[in-house]
N, C-alpha and C. Protein backbone atom coordinates (compact mmCIF):
# COMPACT_ATOMS: atom_id res chain seq x y z
N MET A 1 25.81 148.59 13.06
CA MET A 1 25.25 147.64 12.13
C MET A 1 26.35 147.06 11.26
N LEU A 2 26.15 145.87 10.82
CA LEU A 2 27.12 145.21 9.97
C LEU A 2 26.55 144.99 8.57
N ALA A 3 27.45 145.01 7.59
CA ALA A 3 27.11 144.64 6.22
C ALA A 3 28.04 143.51 5.84
N LYS A 4 27.51 142.49 5.23
CA LYS A 4 28.31 141.31 4.90
C LYS A 4 28.75 141.36 3.44
N LYS A 5 30.04 141.05 3.20
CA LYS A 5 30.56 140.92 1.84
C LYS A 5 30.44 139.46 1.46
N THR A 6 29.77 139.19 0.33
CA THR A 6 29.56 137.81 -0.10
C THR A 6 30.77 137.29 -0.87
N SER A 7 30.73 136.03 -1.22
CA SER A 7 31.82 135.42 -1.98
C SER A 7 31.96 136.04 -3.37
N LYS A 8 30.92 136.71 -3.83
CA LYS A 8 30.96 137.39 -5.13
C LYS A 8 31.26 138.88 -4.99
N ASN A 9 31.82 139.26 -3.83
CA ASN A 9 32.20 140.65 -3.54
C ASN A 9 31.02 141.62 -3.59
N GLN A 10 29.86 141.18 -3.19
CA GLN A 10 28.70 142.05 -3.09
C GLN A 10 28.43 142.31 -1.61
N LEU A 11 27.91 143.51 -1.33
CA LEU A 11 27.57 143.86 0.05
C LEU A 11 26.07 143.71 0.26
N THR A 12 25.72 143.12 1.39
CA THR A 12 24.31 143.03 1.78
C THR A 12 24.08 144.10 2.83
N LEU A 13 23.21 145.06 2.49
CA LEU A 13 22.95 146.16 3.42
C LEU A 13 21.83 145.78 4.38
N PRO A 14 21.94 146.20 5.63
CA PRO A 14 20.88 145.92 6.61
C PRO A 14 19.55 146.57 6.21
N LYS A 15 18.45 145.90 6.54
CA LYS A 15 17.12 146.39 6.19
C LYS A 15 16.87 147.80 6.72
N ASP A 16 17.34 148.09 7.94
CA ASP A 16 17.10 149.41 8.53
C ASP A 16 17.75 150.52 7.69
N ILE A 17 18.89 150.21 7.10
CA ILE A 17 19.56 151.20 6.25
C ILE A 17 18.77 151.38 4.95
N VAL A 18 18.41 150.28 4.33
CA VAL A 18 17.69 150.32 3.06
C VAL A 18 16.34 151.03 3.22
N LYS A 19 15.68 150.86 4.35
CA LYS A 19 14.40 151.53 4.60
C LYS A 19 14.53 153.04 4.60
N SER A 20 15.71 153.54 4.92
CA SER A 20 15.93 154.99 4.94
C SER A 20 16.00 155.59 3.55
N PHE A 21 16.12 154.73 2.53
CA PHE A 21 16.23 155.19 1.15
C PHE A 21 15.24 154.42 0.26
N PRO A 22 13.94 154.58 0.50
CA PRO A 22 12.94 153.74 -0.17
C PRO A 22 12.90 153.88 -1.69
N ASP A 23 13.16 155.06 -2.21
CA ASP A 23 13.06 155.27 -3.66
C ASP A 23 14.41 155.28 -4.36
N VAL A 24 15.46 154.90 -3.66
CA VAL A 24 16.81 154.95 -4.24
C VAL A 24 17.19 153.58 -4.78
N GLU A 25 17.63 153.59 -6.04
CA GLU A 25 18.05 152.34 -6.67
C GLU A 25 19.56 152.31 -6.89
N TYR A 26 20.18 153.50 -7.04
CA TYR A 26 21.61 153.58 -7.32
C TYR A 26 22.32 154.44 -6.29
N PHE A 27 23.57 154.10 -6.04
CA PHE A 27 24.42 154.85 -5.13
C PHE A 27 25.77 155.11 -5.80
N ASP A 28 26.30 156.30 -5.59
CA ASP A 28 27.67 156.60 -6.00
C ASP A 28 28.56 156.09 -4.87
N ILE A 29 29.68 155.49 -5.21
CA ILE A 29 30.56 154.90 -4.21
C ILE A 29 31.92 155.55 -4.28
N GLU A 30 32.46 155.92 -3.12
CA GLU A 30 33.82 156.45 -3.06
C GLU A 30 34.49 156.00 -1.77
N ILE A 31 35.79 156.10 -1.76
CA ILE A 31 36.55 155.73 -0.57
C ILE A 31 37.23 156.99 -0.05
N LYS A 32 37.04 157.27 1.23
CA LYS A 32 37.68 158.41 1.91
C LYS A 32 38.18 157.93 3.26
N ASN A 33 39.44 158.14 3.51
CA ASN A 33 40.03 157.78 4.81
C ASN A 33 39.70 156.35 5.20
N GLN A 34 39.89 155.43 4.27
CA GLN A 34 39.66 154.01 4.52
C GLN A 34 38.20 153.69 4.87
N LYS A 35 37.27 154.53 4.38
CA LYS A 35 35.84 154.30 4.59
C LYS A 35 35.14 154.27 3.24
N ILE A 36 34.16 153.40 3.11
CA ILE A 36 33.33 153.35 1.91
C ILE A 36 32.15 154.28 2.12
N ILE A 37 31.96 155.22 1.19
CA ILE A 37 30.87 156.20 1.30
C ILE A 37 29.89 155.94 0.16
N LEU A 38 28.63 155.70 0.52
CA LEU A 38 27.56 155.51 -0.46
C LEU A 38 26.70 156.77 -0.48
N THR A 39 26.53 157.35 -1.66
CA THR A 39 25.70 158.54 -1.80
C THR A 39 24.57 158.24 -2.77
N PRO A 40 23.31 158.41 -2.34
CA PRO A 40 22.19 158.14 -3.25
C PRO A 40 22.27 159.05 -4.47
N VAL A 41 21.99 158.47 -5.64
CA VAL A 41 21.96 159.27 -6.86
C VAL A 41 20.67 159.00 -7.62
N LYS A 42 20.29 159.98 -8.40
CA LYS A 42 19.11 159.85 -9.24
C LYS A 42 19.60 159.81 -10.69
N ILE A 43 19.27 158.77 -11.40
CA ILE A 43 19.67 158.64 -12.78
C ILE A 43 18.74 159.51 -13.63
N VAL A 44 19.34 160.37 -14.45
CA VAL A 44 18.58 161.29 -15.28
C VAL A 44 18.51 160.74 -16.70
N PRO A 45 17.33 160.73 -17.30
CA PRO A 45 17.21 160.22 -18.67
C PRO A 45 18.09 160.98 -19.65
N VAL A 46 18.61 160.26 -20.64
CA VAL A 46 19.48 160.86 -21.64
C VAL A 46 18.75 161.93 -22.44
N ASN A 47 17.48 161.76 -22.63
CA ASN A 47 16.72 162.68 -23.47
C ASN A 47 16.26 163.95 -22.76
N ARG A 48 16.91 164.28 -21.65
CA ARG A 48 16.56 165.52 -20.95
C ARG A 48 16.78 166.69 -21.90
N THR A 49 15.85 167.62 -21.94
CA THR A 49 15.91 168.69 -22.93
C THR A 49 16.93 169.77 -22.56
N LEU A 50 17.48 170.39 -23.57
CA LEU A 50 18.41 171.49 -23.37
C LEU A 50 17.72 172.64 -22.65
N GLU A 51 16.46 172.87 -22.97
CA GLU A 51 15.72 173.96 -22.31
C GLU A 51 15.60 173.70 -20.81
N GLY A 52 15.40 172.43 -20.43
CA GLY A 52 15.34 172.11 -19.01
C GLY A 52 16.65 172.39 -18.30
N ILE A 53 17.74 172.12 -18.97
CA ILE A 53 19.07 172.40 -18.41
C ILE A 53 19.27 173.90 -18.27
N ARG A 54 18.89 174.64 -19.31
CA ARG A 54 19.02 176.11 -19.26
C ARG A 54 18.18 176.70 -18.14
N GLU A 55 16.99 176.15 -17.93
CA GLU A 55 16.11 176.62 -16.85
C GLU A 55 16.76 176.38 -15.50
N LYS A 56 17.38 175.23 -15.33
CA LYS A 56 18.05 174.94 -14.07
C LYS A 56 19.21 175.90 -13.84
N ILE A 57 19.96 176.21 -14.89
CA ILE A 57 21.07 177.16 -14.79
C ILE A 57 20.54 178.53 -14.36
N ARG A 58 19.41 178.94 -14.97
CA ARG A 58 18.80 180.23 -14.59
C ARG A 58 18.39 180.23 -13.12
N LYS A 59 17.76 179.14 -12.68
CA LYS A 59 17.31 179.06 -11.28
C LYS A 59 18.49 179.11 -10.31
N LEU A 60 19.62 178.54 -10.72
CA LEU A 60 20.81 178.55 -9.87
C LEU A 60 21.52 179.90 -9.89
N GLY A 61 21.13 180.76 -10.81
CA GLY A 61 21.74 182.08 -10.89
C GLY A 61 23.12 182.07 -11.52
N LEU A 62 23.42 181.06 -12.30
CA LEU A 62 24.74 180.97 -12.94
C LEU A 62 24.78 181.86 -14.18
N THR A 63 25.94 182.46 -14.41
CA THR A 63 26.12 183.33 -15.58
C THR A 63 26.98 182.62 -16.61
N GLU A 64 27.07 183.20 -17.82
CA GLU A 64 27.94 182.64 -18.86
C GLU A 64 29.38 182.61 -18.37
N ASP A 65 29.76 183.64 -17.62
CA ASP A 65 31.12 183.70 -17.09
C ASP A 65 31.38 182.54 -16.12
N ASP A 66 30.39 182.22 -15.28
CA ASP A 66 30.52 181.09 -14.35
C ASP A 66 30.73 179.79 -15.12
N ILE A 67 29.96 179.62 -16.20
CA ILE A 67 30.05 178.40 -17.00
C ILE A 67 31.42 178.33 -17.67
N SER A 68 31.88 179.44 -18.24
CA SER A 68 33.20 179.47 -18.89
C SER A 68 34.31 179.11 -17.91
N LYS A 69 34.24 179.67 -16.70
CA LYS A 69 35.26 179.37 -15.69
C LYS A 69 35.21 177.89 -15.29
N ALA A 70 34.01 177.34 -15.19
CA ALA A 70 33.87 175.94 -14.82
C ALA A 70 34.45 175.03 -15.91
N ILE A 71 34.22 175.39 -17.17
CA ILE A 71 34.77 174.60 -18.27
C ILE A 71 36.29 174.66 -18.27
N LYS A 72 36.85 175.87 -18.08
CA LYS A 72 38.32 176.01 -18.02
C LYS A 72 38.88 175.18 -16.87
N TRP A 73 38.22 175.23 -15.72
CA TRP A 73 38.69 174.46 -14.56
C TRP A 73 38.68 172.96 -14.87
N ALA A 74 37.59 172.49 -15.49
CA ALA A 74 37.44 171.07 -15.78
C ALA A 74 38.44 170.58 -16.81
N ARG A 75 38.85 171.45 -17.70
CA ARG A 75 39.77 171.06 -18.77
C ARG A 75 41.24 171.21 -18.37
N LYS A 76 41.51 171.77 -17.19
CA LYS A 76 42.88 171.93 -16.73
C LYS A 76 43.54 170.57 -16.59
N ARG A 77 44.80 170.50 -16.96
CA ARG A 77 45.57 169.26 -16.73
C ARG A 77 45.99 169.24 -15.30
N ARG A 78 45.94 168.07 -14.73
CA ARG A 78 46.29 167.93 -13.31
C ARG A 78 47.57 167.20 -13.14
């Protein structure tokens, strides 16, 4: 299938592709090995509660130590 780049640098996706993602409005875009990769994303409201986040952490089985290590990793200079 082909996707056309318009004069305004927008891509027109084929209907068959769009039909595969009926409820998706946004995509994350990245380039890997000279390929454009579109990944469907769900936008989460800003007002998501802290308790909801804590519940998700509990369901994932993450510990305080896991969170601390993740924060240290994210703050490392590269």
